[in-house]
Amino acid sequence: VRWVVRHKPRTVYCVQALTNLGEESACKMLCRFHEMLLLSRATRPFLVCPCRERGLHRESTDVLPHTRKLLSGIGQEDRACLAEAITLVESSHPLKRHQANWLLTKLLSQKQKERQLGSHRETFRIGLSGPPGAGKSTLIERFGRNLTAGGHKVAVLAVDPSSSRSGGSILADKTRMVGLSRDPRAYIRPSPTSGALGGVTRGTNEAIVLCEGAGYNMVLVETVGVGQSEVAVADMVDMFVLILSPAGGDELQVKEGRV
C-alpha cells in the first residue's frame, strides 16, 4: 500500500490509498490509519476511502494497543500515562471517547475487585472553590505539602476558565504551586473549562477516577474563580471547602448562592 500524505502546519491529510488488495481490505487499512492519526499529534486528519464516499464508513470500536498501554502505566503509577489518560477522557471525539470509556470501565472494575479482596486504599476527595484572588492556589500549595510530608500521595486538578473569544486558557494555577509541583509525591493537572459551566470541566469526574487508579489517595479539585452558582464540584467530592476573601459581603451572600 502506498500512502499519499500531504503535510500542513498542525494538520495531516490522508488523501488517497493506492492498493491492489481489494476495496474491502483497503478500507480496513485506511480506517486503521485514520485511528492512528487521531491518536497522534495530528489535529485534523481527514480520510478518503471508498466506503466513506458511499456513506458506509464505520468507525472501529477495537481497543487500541496504546490505550492498553495507558491502563498498564496507570497501574504502575506512571505520571506520563496518567497525563495522557486525562487528555483522552477530556476529548470529545467519538473514537477517543470510546477508548476513554473502556479505560474507565477497566479501572472501576479493578477498584471493585480490590474492595472485595480488602486491598483497596480509599481516596479522599476535597473540592475547593471561591472567588478569584481569594487564595485557593496558595492554600492548596501549603495543604498539599503538609499532606505529602505525612506520606500521602496528592493529586491536584486545577480548573482554569477558557476565553469566550479565542477558546484559549492561561492554565496559571500550576505556576502558583511551585513547591508542590516539584514534589515527587504530588501531581498537578491544570485543565480548561472549554465552555463547561459549574466551575469544573466535563471530564473532571473521570480525571478523579484516573488519579485514584494511579495510586493518589488525596485528590484536591480547585474550581475556577466562581460567583454564586458554580458549585458542581460539590457532587464529586467528599468535602467541599469554600474560600472567601475578607470583606466579601455578609452571610446572606453565601445563602443566596446555596454554597
Protein backbone atom coordinates (compact mmCIF):
# COMPACT_ATOMS: atom_id res chain seq x y z
CA VAL A 1 0.00 0.00 0.00
CA ARG A 2 1.28 3.41 -0.89
CA TRP A 3 0.06 6.46 1.01
CA VAL A 4 -0.10 9.91 -0.49
CA VAL A 5 0.08 12.18 2.52
CA ARG A 6 0.19 15.95 2.30
CA HIS A 7 1.53 17.84 5.33
CA LYS A 8 0.37 21.25 6.50
CA PRO A 9 1.17 23.08 9.74
CA ARG A 10 -0.52 21.16 12.61
CA THR A 11 -2.62 19.24 10.07
CA VAL A 12 -2.24 15.87 8.34
CA TYR A 13 -4.46 14.88 5.44
CA CYS A 14 -4.68 11.29 4.27
CA VAL A 15 -5.59 11.97 0.64
CA GLN A 16 -5.67 8.64 -1.14
CA ALA A 17 -4.66 4.98 -0.88
CA LEU A 18 -3.36 3.07 -3.91
CA THR A 19 -3.67 -0.66 -3.44
CA ASN A 20 -4.32 -3.88 -5.30
CA LEU A 21 -5.60 -5.75 -2.23
CA GLY A 22 -9.26 -5.13 -2.98
CA GLU A 23 -11.66 -2.45 -1.84
CA GLU A 24 -12.63 -4.07 1.48
CA SER A 25 -9.04 -4.64 2.61
CA ALA A 26 -8.03 -1.15 1.54
CA CYS A 27 -10.93 0.32 3.51
CA LYS A 28 -9.95 -1.53 6.69
CA MET A 29 -6.36 -0.34 6.38
CA LEU A 30 -7.48 3.23 5.73
CA CYS A 31 -9.76 3.21 8.77
CA ARG A 32 -6.94 1.82 10.92
CA PHE A 33 -4.57 4.52 9.68
CA HIS A 34 -7.26 7.10 10.42
CA GLU A 35 -7.35 5.93 14.05
CA MET A 36 -3.57 6.21 14.30
CA LEU A 37 -3.75 9.79 13.06
CA LEU A 38 -6.48 10.66 15.55
CA LEU A 39 -4.44 9.38 18.48
CA SER A 40 -1.26 11.06 17.26
CA ARG A 41 -0.48 14.76 17.47
CA ALA A 42 -2.24 15.42 14.17
CA THR A 43 -5.12 17.72 14.99
CA ARG A 44 -7.25 17.42 11.85
CA PRO A 45 -6.86 14.14 9.99
CA PHE A 46 -9.17 13.64 7.00
CA LEU A 47 -9.62 10.35 5.24
CA VAL A 48 -10.81 9.38 1.78
CA CYS A 49 -11.82 5.77 1.28
CA PRO A 50 -14.40 4.11 -0.99
CA CYS A 51 -16.88 3.24 1.76
CA ARG A 52 -16.79 6.78 3.21
CA GLU A 53 -17.69 8.24 -0.17
CA ARG A 54 -20.77 5.97 -0.29
CA GLY A 55 -21.69 6.70 3.35
CA LEU A 56 -20.88 3.17 4.51
CA HIS A 57 -17.90 4.03 6.68
CA ARG A 58 -17.95 2.73 10.26
CA GLU A 59 -15.52 3.74 12.97
CA SER A 60 -13.66 0.82 14.51
CA THR A 61 -14.61 0.00 18.11
CA ASP A 62 -11.49 -2.03 18.82
CA VAL A 63 -9.40 -1.08 21.82
CA LEU A 64 -6.10 0.28 20.56
CA PRO A 65 -2.78 -1.02 21.91
CA HIS A 66 -1.86 2.45 23.12
CA THR A 67 -4.98 2.53 25.33
CA ARG A 68 -3.98 -0.81 26.88
CA LYS A 69 -0.53 0.67 27.47
CA LEU A 70 -2.12 3.60 29.31
CA LEU A 71 -4.05 1.18 31.54
CA SER A 72 -0.86 -0.69 32.39
CA GLY A 73 1.03 2.55 33.03
CA ILE A 74 -1.64 3.91 35.37
CA GLY A 75 -1.49 0.67 37.35
CA GLN A 76 2.27 1.23 37.69
CA GLU A 77 1.67 4.85 38.82
CA ASP A 78 3.31 6.30 35.70
CA ARG A 79 2.68 10.06 35.69
CA ALA A 80 3.12 10.36 31.90
CA CYS A 81 0.46 7.70 31.27
CA LEU A 82 -1.84 9.43 33.75
CA ALA A 83 -1.43 12.73 31.91
CA GLU A 84 -2.21 11.10 28.55
CA ALA A 85 -5.22 9.31 30.01
CA ILE A 86 -6.68 12.57 31.37
CA THR A 87 -6.21 14.15 27.95
CA LEU A 88 -8.05 11.17 26.47
CA VAL A 89 -11.08 11.48 28.79
CA GLU A 90 -11.26 15.23 28.18
CA SER A 91 -11.58 14.72 24.42
CA SER A 92 -15.00 14.93 22.75
CA HIS A 93 -14.07 12.91 19.66
CA PRO A 94 -16.20 9.72 19.34
CA LEU A 95 -13.22 7.40 18.82
CA LYS A 96 -11.32 8.83 21.79
CA ARG A 97 -14.47 8.74 23.90
CA HIS A 98 -14.78 5.01 23.19
CA GLN A 99 -11.16 4.43 24.22
CA ALA A 100 -11.68 6.55 27.36
CA ASN A 101 -14.85 4.66 28.32
CA TRP A 102 -13.03 1.33 28.01
CA LEU A 103 -10.17 2.65 30.16
CA LEU A 104 -12.51 3.93 32.87
CA THR A 105 -14.51 0.71 32.87
CA LYS A 106 -11.35 -1.33 33.43
CA LEU A 107 -10.17 0.91 36.25
CA LEU A 108 -13.54 0.80 38.02
CA SER A 109 -13.61 -2.99 37.63
CA GLN A 110 -10.15 -3.27 39.18
CA LYS A 111 -11.24 -0.98 42.01
CA GLN A 112 -14.26 -3.18 42.72
CA LYS A 113 -12.11 -6.34 42.81
CA GLU A 114 -9.65 -4.70 45.22
CA ARG A 115 -12.52 -3.72 47.51
CA GLN A 116 -13.78 -7.30 47.56
CA LEU A 117 -10.29 -8.52 48.46
CA GLY A 118 -9.90 -5.81 51.10
CA SER A 119 -6.75 -4.39 49.50
CA HIS A 120 -8.24 -1.19 48.13
CA ARG A 121 -6.96 2.09 49.60
CA GLU A 122 -9.79 4.60 49.81
CA THR A 123 -9.30 8.03 48.31
CA PHE A 124 -10.49 11.23 49.98
CA ARG A 125 -11.69 13.94 47.61
CA ILE A 126 -11.72 17.62 48.53
CA GLY A 127 -13.22 20.37 46.39
CA LEU A 128 -12.06 23.96 46.85
CA SER A 129 -13.99 26.89 45.46
CA GLY A 130 -14.13 30.63 45.92
CA PRO A 131 -13.94 33.97 44.14
CA PRO A 132 -10.87 34.97 42.12
CA GLY A 133 -7.91 36.02 44.26
CA ALA A 134 -9.26 34.51 47.49
CA GLY A 135 -6.14 32.31 47.86
CA LYS A 136 -7.26 28.89 46.59
CA SER A 137 -3.92 28.01 44.98
CA THR A 138 -1.93 29.31 47.96
CA LEU A 139 -3.98 27.18 50.36
CA ILE A 140 -3.59 24.10 48.16
CA GLU A 141 0.18 24.68 47.99
CA ARG A 142 0.56 24.70 51.79
CA PHE A 143 -2.01 22.00 52.47
CA GLY A 144 -0.66 19.72 49.74
CA ARG A 145 2.90 19.92 51.03
CA ASN A 146 1.73 19.04 54.52
CA LEU A 147 -0.09 16.01 53.12
CA THR A 148 2.90 14.75 51.15
CA ALA A 149 5.13 15.25 54.21
CA GLY A 150 2.72 12.96 56.06
CA GLY A 151 3.15 10.18 53.49
CA HIS A 152 0.09 10.86 51.32
CA LYS A 153 0.06 10.99 47.53
CA VAL A 154 -1.71 14.14 46.38
CA ALA A 155 -3.30 14.87 43.02
CA VAL A 156 -4.45 18.42 42.26
CA LEU A 157 -6.95 19.01 39.44
CA ALA A 158 -6.94 22.75 38.81
CA VAL A 159 -9.59 24.21 36.50
CA ASP A 160 -8.99 27.46 34.62
CA PRO A 161 -11.58 29.44 32.63
CA SER A 162 -11.42 29.48 28.84
CA SER A 163 -11.67 32.65 26.79
CA SER A 164 -15.04 33.18 25.11
CA ARG A 165 -13.24 34.80 22.16
CA SER A 166 -10.21 32.63 21.44
CA GLY A 167 -11.14 29.49 23.39
CA GLY A 168 -7.67 29.52 24.98
CA SER A 169 -6.77 29.24 28.65
CA ILE A 170 -3.72 30.50 30.58
CA LEU A 171 -3.60 27.49 32.97
CA ALA A 172 -1.68 29.57 35.51
CA ASP A 173 -2.70 27.70 38.67
CA LYS A 174 0.32 25.38 38.47
CA THR A 175 2.70 28.35 38.42
CA ARG A 176 1.35 29.37 41.86
CA MET A 177 2.23 25.95 43.31
CA VAL A 178 5.96 25.87 42.60
CA GLY A 179 6.95 23.89 45.68
CA LEU A 180 4.15 21.34 45.33
CA SER A 181 4.80 20.86 41.61
CA ARG A 182 8.37 19.76 42.41
CA ASP A 183 7.22 17.22 45.00
CA PRO A 184 7.54 13.66 43.63
CA ARG A 185 4.52 12.58 45.70
CA ALA A 186 2.28 15.23 44.13
CA TYR A 187 0.72 15.56 40.68
CA ILE A 188 -0.84 18.79 39.39
CA ARG A 189 -3.03 18.85 36.31
CA PRO A 190 -4.43 22.18 35.05
CA SER A 191 -7.37 21.90 32.64
CA PRO A 192 -9.52 24.46 30.78
CA THR A 193 -13.27 24.63 31.18
CA SER A 194 -13.74 24.67 27.37
CA GLY A 195 -17.15 26.26 27.78
CA ALA A 196 -18.38 23.92 30.54
CA LEU A 197 -20.40 25.55 33.33
CA GLY A 198 -20.42 24.78 37.05
CA GLY A 199 -16.78 25.68 37.79
CA VAL A 200 -15.29 22.38 36.56
CA THR A 201 -14.61 20.67 33.23
CA ARG A 202 -16.68 18.00 31.50
CA GLY A 203 -14.02 15.41 32.36
CA THR A 204 -13.26 16.33 35.99
CA ASN A 205 -15.12 13.36 37.47
CA GLU A 206 -13.36 10.95 35.09
CA ALA A 207 -9.99 12.56 35.88
CA ILE A 208 -10.62 11.88 39.58
CA VAL A 209 -11.16 8.17 38.79
CA LEU A 210 -7.89 8.09 36.85
CA CYS A 211 -5.97 9.72 39.71
CA GLU A 212 -7.40 7.15 42.12
CA GLY A 213 -6.30 4.36 39.77
CA ALA A 214 -2.78 5.82 39.72
CA GLY A 215 -2.46 5.49 43.49
CA TYR A 216 -3.25 9.03 44.67
CA ASN A 217 -5.18 8.79 47.94
CA MET A 218 -5.83 12.54 48.26
CA VAL A 219 -7.46 14.37 45.34
CA LEU A 220 -7.88 18.16 45.52
CA VAL A 221 -10.13 19.80 42.93
CA GLU A 222 -9.72 23.56 42.51
CA THR A 223 -12.56 25.21 40.60
CA VAL A 224 -12.37 28.38 38.55
CA GLY A 225 -12.88 31.68 40.34
CA VAL A 226 -16.61 31.47 40.98
CA GLY A 227 -19.61 33.67 41.66
CA GLN A 228 -22.73 32.19 43.30
CA SER A 229 -23.75 29.23 41.15
CA GLU A 230 -20.58 27.31 40.14
CA VAL A 231 -20.84 24.52 42.72
CA ALA A 232 -20.93 21.38 40.53
CA VAL A 233 -17.77 20.12 42.26
CA ALA A 234 -19.74 19.58 45.49
CA ASP A 235 -21.37 16.48 43.95
CA MET A 236 -17.97 14.97 43.06
CA VAL A 237 -16.12 15.20 46.36
CA ASP A 238 -16.31 14.07 49.99
CA MET A 239 -15.65 17.55 51.41
CA PHE A 240 -16.43 20.91 49.87
CA VAL A 241 -14.39 23.94 51.02
CA LEU A 242 -15.48 27.49 50.28
CA ILE A 243 -12.71 30.09 50.47
CA LEU A 244 -13.77 33.71 50.91
CA SER A 245 -11.72 36.87 50.97
CA PRO A 246 -12.22 39.43 53.79
CA ALA A 247 -14.98 42.00 53.30
CA GLY A 248 -16.58 39.92 50.59
CA GLY A 249 -20.15 40.58 51.73
CA ASP A 250 -22.37 39.36 54.54
CA GLU A 251 -23.56 35.81 55.24
CA LEU A 252 -26.65 36.35 53.08
CA GLN A 253 -24.40 36.27 50.01
CA VAL A 254 -23.41 32.72 50.88
CA LYS A 255 -27.02 31.65 51.47
CA GLU A 256 -28.16 33.22 48.20
CA GLY A 257 -25.53 31.24 46.34
CA ARG A 258 -26.57 27.99 48.05
CA VAL A 259 -22.97 27.08 48.80
